[in-house]
Protein backbone atom coordinates (compact mmCIF):
# COMPACT_ATOMS: atom_id res chain seq x y z
CA UNK A 1 26.69 -180.77 80.98
CA UNK A 2 23.71 -180.91 78.59
CA UNK A 3 24.22 -180.45 74.87
CA UNK A 4 22.71 -177.23 73.56
CA UNK A 5 23.70 -176.28 70.03
CA UNK A 6 22.36 -172.74 70.43
CA UNK A 7 23.18 -171.60 73.94
CA UNK A 8 21.37 -168.53 75.19
CA UNK A 9 22.28 -166.22 78.02
CA UNK A 10 21.21 -167.89 81.28
CA UNK A 11 18.69 -165.95 83.39
CA UNK A 12 20.18 -163.92 86.20
CA UNK A 13 19.57 -165.23 89.73
CA UNK A 14 16.52 -163.60 91.27
CA UNK A 15 15.29 -163.12 94.79
CA UNK A 16 13.20 -166.25 94.27
CA UNK A 17 16.38 -168.21 93.74
CA UNK A 18 17.84 -166.82 96.94
CA UNK A 19 14.74 -167.76 98.89
CA UNK A 20 14.89 -171.29 97.48
CA UNK A 21 18.46 -171.57 98.75
CA UNK A 22 17.94 -169.89 102.08
CA UNK A 23 21.04 -170.50 104.16
CA UNK A 24 23.26 -171.04 101.11
CA UNK A 25 24.27 -169.56 97.82
CA UNK A 26 22.25 -169.93 94.61
CA UNK A 27 23.14 -172.80 92.31
CA UNK A 28 25.20 -172.34 89.17
CA UNK A 29 23.16 -170.90 86.27
CA UNK A 30 21.13 -173.50 84.38
CA UNK A 31 22.18 -173.62 80.70
CA UNK A 32 19.38 -172.43 78.45
CA UNK A 33 19.28 -173.18 74.74
CA UNK A 34 16.94 -174.33 72.00
CA UNK A 35 15.05 -177.61 71.96
CA UNK A 36 16.59 -179.18 68.88
CA UNK A 37 15.00 -178.32 65.57
CA UNK A 38 11.81 -177.13 67.30
CA UNK A 39 13.62 -173.83 67.93
CA UNK A 40 11.75 -173.48 71.22
CA UNK A 41 13.59 -172.33 74.33
CA UNK A 42 14.59 -175.04 76.81
CA UNK A 43 16.64 -175.24 79.98
CA UNK A 44 18.95 -178.17 80.68
CA UNK A 45 16.74 -179.03 83.67
CA UNK A 46 12.99 -179.10 83.20
CA UNK A 47 10.13 -179.60 85.62
CA UNK A 48 7.64 -182.45 85.16
CA UNK A 49 4.18 -182.12 86.69
CA UNK A 50 3.16 -185.79 86.86
CA UNK A 51 3.25 -185.69 90.65
CA UNK A 52 1.66 -182.25 91.13
CA UNK A 53 -1.55 -182.36 89.13
CA UNK A 54 -3.29 -185.29 90.81
CA UNK A 55 -3.50 -186.54 94.40
CA UNK A 56 -1.63 -189.83 93.89
CA UNK A 57 1.30 -190.95 91.75
CA UNK A 58 3.73 -193.86 91.62
CA UNK A 59 6.77 -192.41 93.40
CA UNK A 60 8.45 -193.57 96.60
CA UNK A 61 8.08 -191.22 99.57
CA UNK A 62 5.21 -189.22 98.12
CA UNK A 63 3.10 -189.55 101.26
CA UNK A 64 5.95 -188.22 103.39
CA UNK A 65 6.43 -185.24 101.08
CA UNK A 66 2.82 -184.18 100.58
CA UNK A 67 1.03 -185.29 103.75
CA UNK A 68 -2.69 -185.92 103.96
CA UNK A 69 -4.13 -182.80 102.35
CA UNK A 70 -4.52 -183.69 98.67
CA UNK A 71 -7.41 -181.33 97.98
CA UNK A 72 -7.50 -179.49 94.67
CA UNK A 73 -6.75 -176.22 96.46
CA UNK A 74 -3.75 -177.68 98.30
CA UNK A 75 -2.30 -179.30 95.19
CA UNK A 76 -2.81 -176.12 93.17
CA UNK A 77 -0.96 -174.12 95.82
CA UNK A 78 1.93 -176.61 95.93
CA UNK A 79 2.17 -176.64 92.15
CA UNK A 80 2.21 -172.84 91.90
CA UNK A 81 4.87 -172.52 94.61
CA UNK A 82 7.12 -175.05 92.91
CA UNK A 83 6.62 -173.43 89.51
CA UNK A 84 7.68 -170.12 91.06
CA UNK A 85 10.78 -171.70 92.57
CA UNK A 86 11.66 -173.52 89.35
CA UNK A 87 11.30 -170.41 87.19
CA UNK A 88 13.33 -168.35 89.66
CA UNK A 89 16.09 -170.95 89.52
CA UNK A 90 16.21 -170.73 85.71
CA UNK A 91 13.98 -173.62 84.58
CA UNK A 92 12.28 -172.82 81.28
CA UNK A 93 10.91 -176.21 80.17
CA UNK A 94 7.74 -177.65 81.74
CA UNK A 95 6.29 -181.10 81.07
CA UNK A 96 2.66 -182.10 81.56
CA UNK A 97 0.04 -184.42 80.06
CA UNK A 98 -3.68 -184.65 79.59
CA UNK A 99 -3.69 -187.57 82.06
CA UNK A 100 -1.94 -185.64 84.85
CA UNK A 101 -5.23 -184.68 86.48
CA UNK A 102 -5.38 -180.88 86.69
CA UNK A 103 -1.72 -180.24 85.88
CA UNK A 104 -2.47 -178.47 82.60
CA UNK A 105 -5.03 -176.24 84.31
CA UNK A 106 -2.64 -175.46 87.19
CA UNK A 107 0.08 -174.57 84.69
CA UNK A 108 -2.26 -172.33 82.67
CA UNK A 109 -3.34 -170.48 85.83
CA UNK A 110 0.28 -169.93 86.82
CA UNK A 111 1.14 -168.58 83.37
CA UNK A 112 -1.78 -166.17 83.51
CA UNK A 113 -1.10 -165.02 87.06
CA UNK A 114 2.55 -164.36 86.26
CA UNK A 115 1.71 -162.75 82.88
CA UNK A 116 4.17 -165.18 81.33
CA UNK A 117 5.05 -164.39 77.71
CA UNK A 118 4.60 -167.59 75.65
CA UNK A 119 8.10 -167.35 74.22
CA UNK A 120 9.70 -167.18 77.67
CA UNK A 121 9.05 -170.85 78.41
CA UNK A 122 8.31 -174.08 76.54
CA UNK A 123 5.46 -176.37 77.59
CA UNK A 124 5.22 -179.93 76.33
CA UNK A 125 2.07 -181.98 76.87
CA UNK A 126 1.00 -185.49 75.85
CA UNK A 127 -1.97 -187.48 74.66
CA UNK A 128 -2.84 -191.17 74.95
CA UNK A 129 -3.54 -191.78 78.64
CA UNK A 130 -6.91 -190.95 80.19
CA UNK A 131 -7.07 -189.88 83.83
CA UNK A 132 -9.63 -192.10 85.53
CA UNK A 133 -8.86 -191.47 89.20
CA UNK A 134 -11.58 -188.88 89.74
CA UNK A 135 -9.34 -187.16 92.34
CA UNK A 136 -9.83 -190.17 94.64
CA UNK A 137 -6.76 -191.44 96.47
CA UNK A 138 -8.23 -194.93 96.68
CA UNK A 139 -9.40 -195.22 93.07
CA UNK A 140 -8.94 -198.78 91.77
CA UNK A 141 -7.26 -197.36 88.65
CA UNK A 142 -5.83 -193.92 88.04
CA UNK A 143 -5.27 -193.90 84.29
CA UNK A 144 -5.88 -195.99 81.19
CA UNK A 145 -4.00 -196.06 77.89
CA UNK A 146 -5.80 -195.25 74.63
CA UNK A 147 -3.53 -194.52 71.67
CA UNK A 148 -6.37 -194.08 69.18
CA UNK A 149 -7.32 -191.37 66.71
CA UNK A 150 -10.42 -190.27 68.62
CA UNK A 151 -8.39 -189.98 71.84
CA UNK A 152 -5.78 -187.86 70.05
CA UNK A 153 -8.46 -185.58 68.63
CA UNK A 154 -10.37 -184.87 71.81
CA UNK A 155 -7.35 -184.74 74.10
CA UNK A 156 -5.56 -182.40 71.70
CA UNK A 157 -8.62 -180.14 71.63
CA UNK A 158 -8.72 -180.08 75.43
CA UNK A 159 -4.97 -179.49 75.84
CA UNK A 160 -5.02 -176.67 73.31
CA UNK A 161 -8.06 -175.09 74.95
CA UNK A 162 -6.46 -175.23 78.40
CA UNK A 163 -2.87 -174.30 77.58
CA UNK A 164 -3.64 -172.03 74.64
CA UNK A 165 -0.70 -170.14 73.17
CA UNK A 166 1.67 -171.60 75.78
CA UNK A 167 1.51 -175.13 74.32
CA UNK A 168 4.53 -175.76 72.08
CA UNK A 169 5.13 -179.53 71.97
CA UNK A 170 2.59 -182.36 71.75
CA UNK A 171 3.76 -185.95 72.32
CA UNK A 172 2.47 -189.50 72.13
CA UNK A 173 2.33 -190.72 75.72
CA UNK A 174 4.34 -193.91 76.31
CA UNK A 175 4.46 -195.29 72.81
CA UNK A 176 5.53 -198.92 72.47
CA UNK A 177 6.08 -201.20 69.49
CA UNK A 178 3.13 -203.39 70.42
CA UNK A 179 0.71 -200.48 70.97
CA UNK A 180 0.08 -200.29 67.22
CA UNK A 181 0.33 -196.50 67.15
CA UNK A 182 3.16 -196.54 64.58
CA UNK A 183 1.00 -198.53 62.16
CA UNK A 184 -2.04 -196.26 62.53
CA UNK A 185 -1.72 -194.02 59.47
CA UNK A 186 -4.68 -191.89 60.53
CA UNK A 187 -3.00 -191.04 63.82
CA UNK A 188 0.32 -190.33 62.13
CA UNK A 189 -1.29 -188.07 59.53
CA UNK A 190 -3.23 -186.22 62.23
CA UNK A 191 0.02 -185.56 64.08
CA UNK A 192 1.58 -184.38 60.82
CA UNK A 193 -1.28 -181.92 60.35
CA UNK A 194 -0.72 -180.62 63.88
CA UNK A 195 2.88 -179.84 62.90
CA UNK A 196 1.50 -177.61 60.16
CA UNK A 197 -0.32 -175.56 62.83
CA UNK A 198 2.99 -174.76 64.54
CA UNK A 199 3.10 -177.46 67.20
CA UNK A 200 6.26 -179.53 67.51
CA UNK A 201 5.54 -183.28 67.62
CA UNK A 202 7.27 -185.82 69.84
CA UNK A 203 6.82 -189.09 71.65
CA UNK A 204 7.63 -190.58 75.01
CA UNK A 205 8.61 -194.22 75.43
CA UNK A 206 8.56 -196.68 78.29
CA UNK A 207 9.34 -200.29 79.15
CA UNK A 208 12.25 -202.68 78.62
CA UNK A 209 12.13 -202.27 74.82
CA UNK A 210 12.56 -198.49 74.73
CA UNK A 211 15.45 -198.72 72.27
CA UNK A 212 13.40 -200.66 69.71
CA UNK A 213 10.57 -198.15 70.04
CA UNK A 214 12.88 -195.17 69.57
CA UNK A 215 14.51 -196.62 66.47
CA UNK A 216 11.12 -197.49 64.99
CA UNK A 217 9.97 -193.91 65.59
CA UNK A 218 13.04 -192.49 63.88
CA UNK A 219 12.07 -194.31 60.68
CA UNK A 220 8.58 -192.81 60.52
CA UNK A 221 7.83 -190.08 58.01
CA UNK A 222 4.72 -188.63 56.44
CA UNK A 223 4.99 -187.57 52.80
CA UNK A 224 8.75 -187.95 53.08
CA UNK A 225 9.07 -185.67 56.13
CA UNK A 226 10.31 -187.15 59.45
CA UNK A 227 7.42 -186.90 61.91
CA UNK A 228 9.01 -186.62 65.34
CA UNK A 229 10.93 -183.60 66.59
CA UNK A 230 11.62 -184.91 70.12
CA UNK A 231 12.05 -188.19 71.98
CA UNK A 232 11.45 -188.54 75.72
CA UNK A 233 12.71 -191.69 77.42
CA UNK A 234 13.63 -193.14 80.79
CA UNK A 235 17.37 -193.04 81.40
CA UNK A 236 19.05 -193.28 84.78
CA UNK A 237 21.94 -194.96 86.57
CA UNK A 238 19.88 -198.12 87.07
CA UNK A 239 18.38 -198.24 83.56
CA UNK A 240 20.69 -196.70 80.92
CA UNK A 241 19.84 -199.16 78.14
CA UNK A 242 18.17 -196.57 75.90
CA UNK A 243 21.38 -194.52 75.65
CA UNK A 244 22.60 -195.73 72.21
CA UNK A 245 19.15 -195.24 70.66
CA UNK A 246 18.91 -191.77 72.17
CA UNK A 247 22.31 -190.98 70.69
CA UNK A 248 20.90 -191.99 67.30
CA UNK A 249 17.88 -189.73 67.87
CA UNK A 250 20.11 -186.79 68.72
CA UNK A 251 22.35 -187.44 65.70
CA UNK A 252 19.22 -187.31 63.56
CA UNK A 253 18.31 -183.85 64.83
CA UNK A 254 15.75 -184.81 67.48
CA UNK A 255 15.85 -183.22 70.90
CA UNK A 256 16.20 -185.79 73.72
CA UNK A 257 14.28 -185.35 76.96
CA UNK A 258 15.24 -187.61 79.88
CA UNK A 259 12.51 -188.67 82.31
CA UNK A 260 12.52 -190.70 85.53
CA UNK A 261 16.12 -189.76 86.22
CA UNK A 262 15.63 -190.70 89.89
CA UNK A 263 13.92 -194.00 89.05
CA UNK A 264 10.63 -193.04 90.75
CA UNK A 265 12.47 -192.36 94.01
CA UNK A 266 14.79 -195.36 94.03
CA UNK A 267 17.81 -193.13 93.30
CA UNK A 268 17.37 -191.01 96.41
CA UNK A 269 19.22 -191.11 99.68
CA UNK A 270 16.04 -191.52 101.70
CA UNK A 271 14.11 -194.09 99.70
CA UNK A 272 16.74 -196.00 97.76
CA UNK A 273 17.17 -199.71 98.50
CA UNK A 274 20.17 -202.04 98.72
CA UNK A 275 20.88 -201.70 94.99
CA UNK A 276 21.92 -198.05 95.46
CA UNK A 277 23.95 -198.31 98.66
CA UNK A 278 27.16 -197.91 96.66
CA UNK A 279 25.82 -194.64 95.25
CA UNK A 280 24.79 -193.43 98.69
CA UNK A 281 28.29 -194.12 99.99
CA UNK A 282 29.85 -192.39 96.98
CA UNK A 283 27.59 -189.35 97.48
CA UNK A 284 28.51 -189.10 101.17
CA UNK A 285 32.20 -189.35 100.34
CA UNK A 286 31.94 -186.42 97.94
CA UNK A 287 29.52 -184.39 100.03
CA UNK A 288 26.73 -184.15 97.45
CA UNK A 289 23.14 -185.43 97.47
CA UNK A 290 22.60 -188.73 95.68
CA UNK A 291 19.89 -186.96 93.70
CA UNK A 292 22.50 -184.52 92.37
CA UNK A 293 24.71 -187.42 91.28
CA UNK A 294 21.85 -189.01 89.36
CA UNK A 295 20.83 -185.79 87.65
CA UNK A 296 24.40 -184.81 86.78
CA UNK A 297 24.99 -188.22 85.18
CA UNK A 298 22.05 -187.62 82.83
CA UNK A 299 23.09 -184.03 82.10
CA UNK A 300 26.52 -185.22 81.02
CA UNK A 301 25.25 -187.50 78.29
CA UNK A 302 26.24 -185.84 75.00
CA UNK A 303 22.81 -186.47 73.51
CA UNK A 304 20.79 -184.92 76.35
CA UNK A 305 18.72 -181.80 75.66
CA UNK A 306 16.61 -181.66 78.85
CA UNK A 307 16.56 -183.68 82.06
CA UNK A 308 13.18 -183.62 83.80
CA UNK A 309 12.91 -183.09 87.52
CA UNK A 310 9.93 -184.78 89.14
CA UNK A 311 10.25 -182.75 92.34
CA UNK A 312 7.11 -182.04 94.33
CA UNK A 313 8.76 -179.91 97.02
CA UNK A 314 11.30 -177.09 96.94
CA UNK A 315 13.63 -179.23 99.04
CA UNK A 316 13.64 -181.93 96.37
CA UNK A 317 14.20 -179.35 93.66
CA UNK A 318 17.10 -177.85 95.60
CA UNK A 319 18.80 -181.24 95.90
CA UNK A 320 18.46 -181.83 92.17
CA UNK A 321 19.67 -178.34 91.23
CA UNK A 322 22.86 -179.18 93.11
CA UNK A 323 23.72 -181.29 90.04
CA UNK A 324 25.05 -178.12 88.42
CA UNK A 325 27.64 -177.84 91.22
CA UNK A 326 28.95 -181.40 90.77
CA UNK A 327 32.54 -181.29 89.53
CA UNK A 328 33.60 -183.10 86.39
CA UNK A 329 35.86 -185.33 88.45
CA UNK A 330 32.85 -186.77 90.30
CA UNK A 331 31.65 -189.74 88.26
CA UNK A 332 29.27 -192.06 90.11
CA UNK A 333 29.71 -195.79 89.48
CA UNK A 334 27.02 -197.31 87.27
CA UNK A 335 25.58 -200.69 88.22
CA UNK A 336 22.75 -201.07 85.77
CA UNK A 337 20.00 -203.62 86.22
CA UNK A 338 18.80 -205.76 83.32
CA UNK A 339 15.94 -203.79 81.72
CA UNK A 340 13.38 -206.53 82.40
CA UNK A 341 14.29 -206.53 86.10
CA UNK A 342 14.25 -202.74 86.33
CA UNK A 343 10.80 -202.43 84.74
CA UNK A 344 9.42 -205.31 86.81
CA UNK A 345 10.43 -203.49 89.99
CA UNK A 346 9.08 -200.20 88.66
CA UNK A 347 5.69 -201.73 87.88
CA UNK A 348 5.38 -202.87 91.51
CA UNK A 349 5.77 -199.34 92.95
CA UNK A 350 2.51 -198.41 94.64
CA UNK A 351 0.61 -195.24 93.79
CA UNK A 352 0.93 -192.96 96.84
């Protein structure tokens, strides 16, 4: 499965795990190791909070999963319950961002309520997008991109104030070649100074030119020291084009975090379209959820450190955890889309 150079003893199944799998046995232990050269703990499967910290998000089937109650109290309760289930199952890496509404605050509250030692988990957050939705489901725009020095400074201050000693990794949110962030020496030096305070520094990438962005990032150093410790990118059975660049990142000592492994819901048995019918048939033949096939394919990449789950319900998390039960002989067929086509379809997914 995932590559972990320093494998730690996996957590023992707890009663929370058993409750998550009511009616069945717990999943196989999730491998737990260290997140590349950051030396922070990380599980092979992580939990992303993009869909839990704000009332709407661009993911197919979200309305069916969450219903009509998107109040702050309801979303906080859902987030806390899923964090409990994830931790009980062995997940030790959690992904959030300043633009994910109240996700950072929900995560901080959970850590405090569970008296979570900072070293027991790793939390990565991001800067560069501003949440503009105002907790309104019908907001004309839910976020805006601002990869500028002033945004980095005030969002970093807010993230550090909210997450405190639990924050371990700070990332540029959706860097691209044309964003100009790699040419902004003030931003790069500010990030370098943050490394000196003990934070690991990473970036996330997006769009059809992910590979170019990753390779550009690998060349960046400040005072002769490579800047980025981690790279987070979209990789899935429909859009695997970033794979060779991610292999280069891993070979250079960076931890690789895979996001959007279910293609915003398109790689699910319930919401997938005609382009994934072959995967649905393959999953039925082998008696495993399509979600498990998609996650297991990402886990098996030799350069993978962490695969992020975007689950918003325990049922979704259960289906994805089944990836650790998928036998080595089960290899789903890959029918990748051209990157431009994949990202065009992704951009048309409505916020739900």
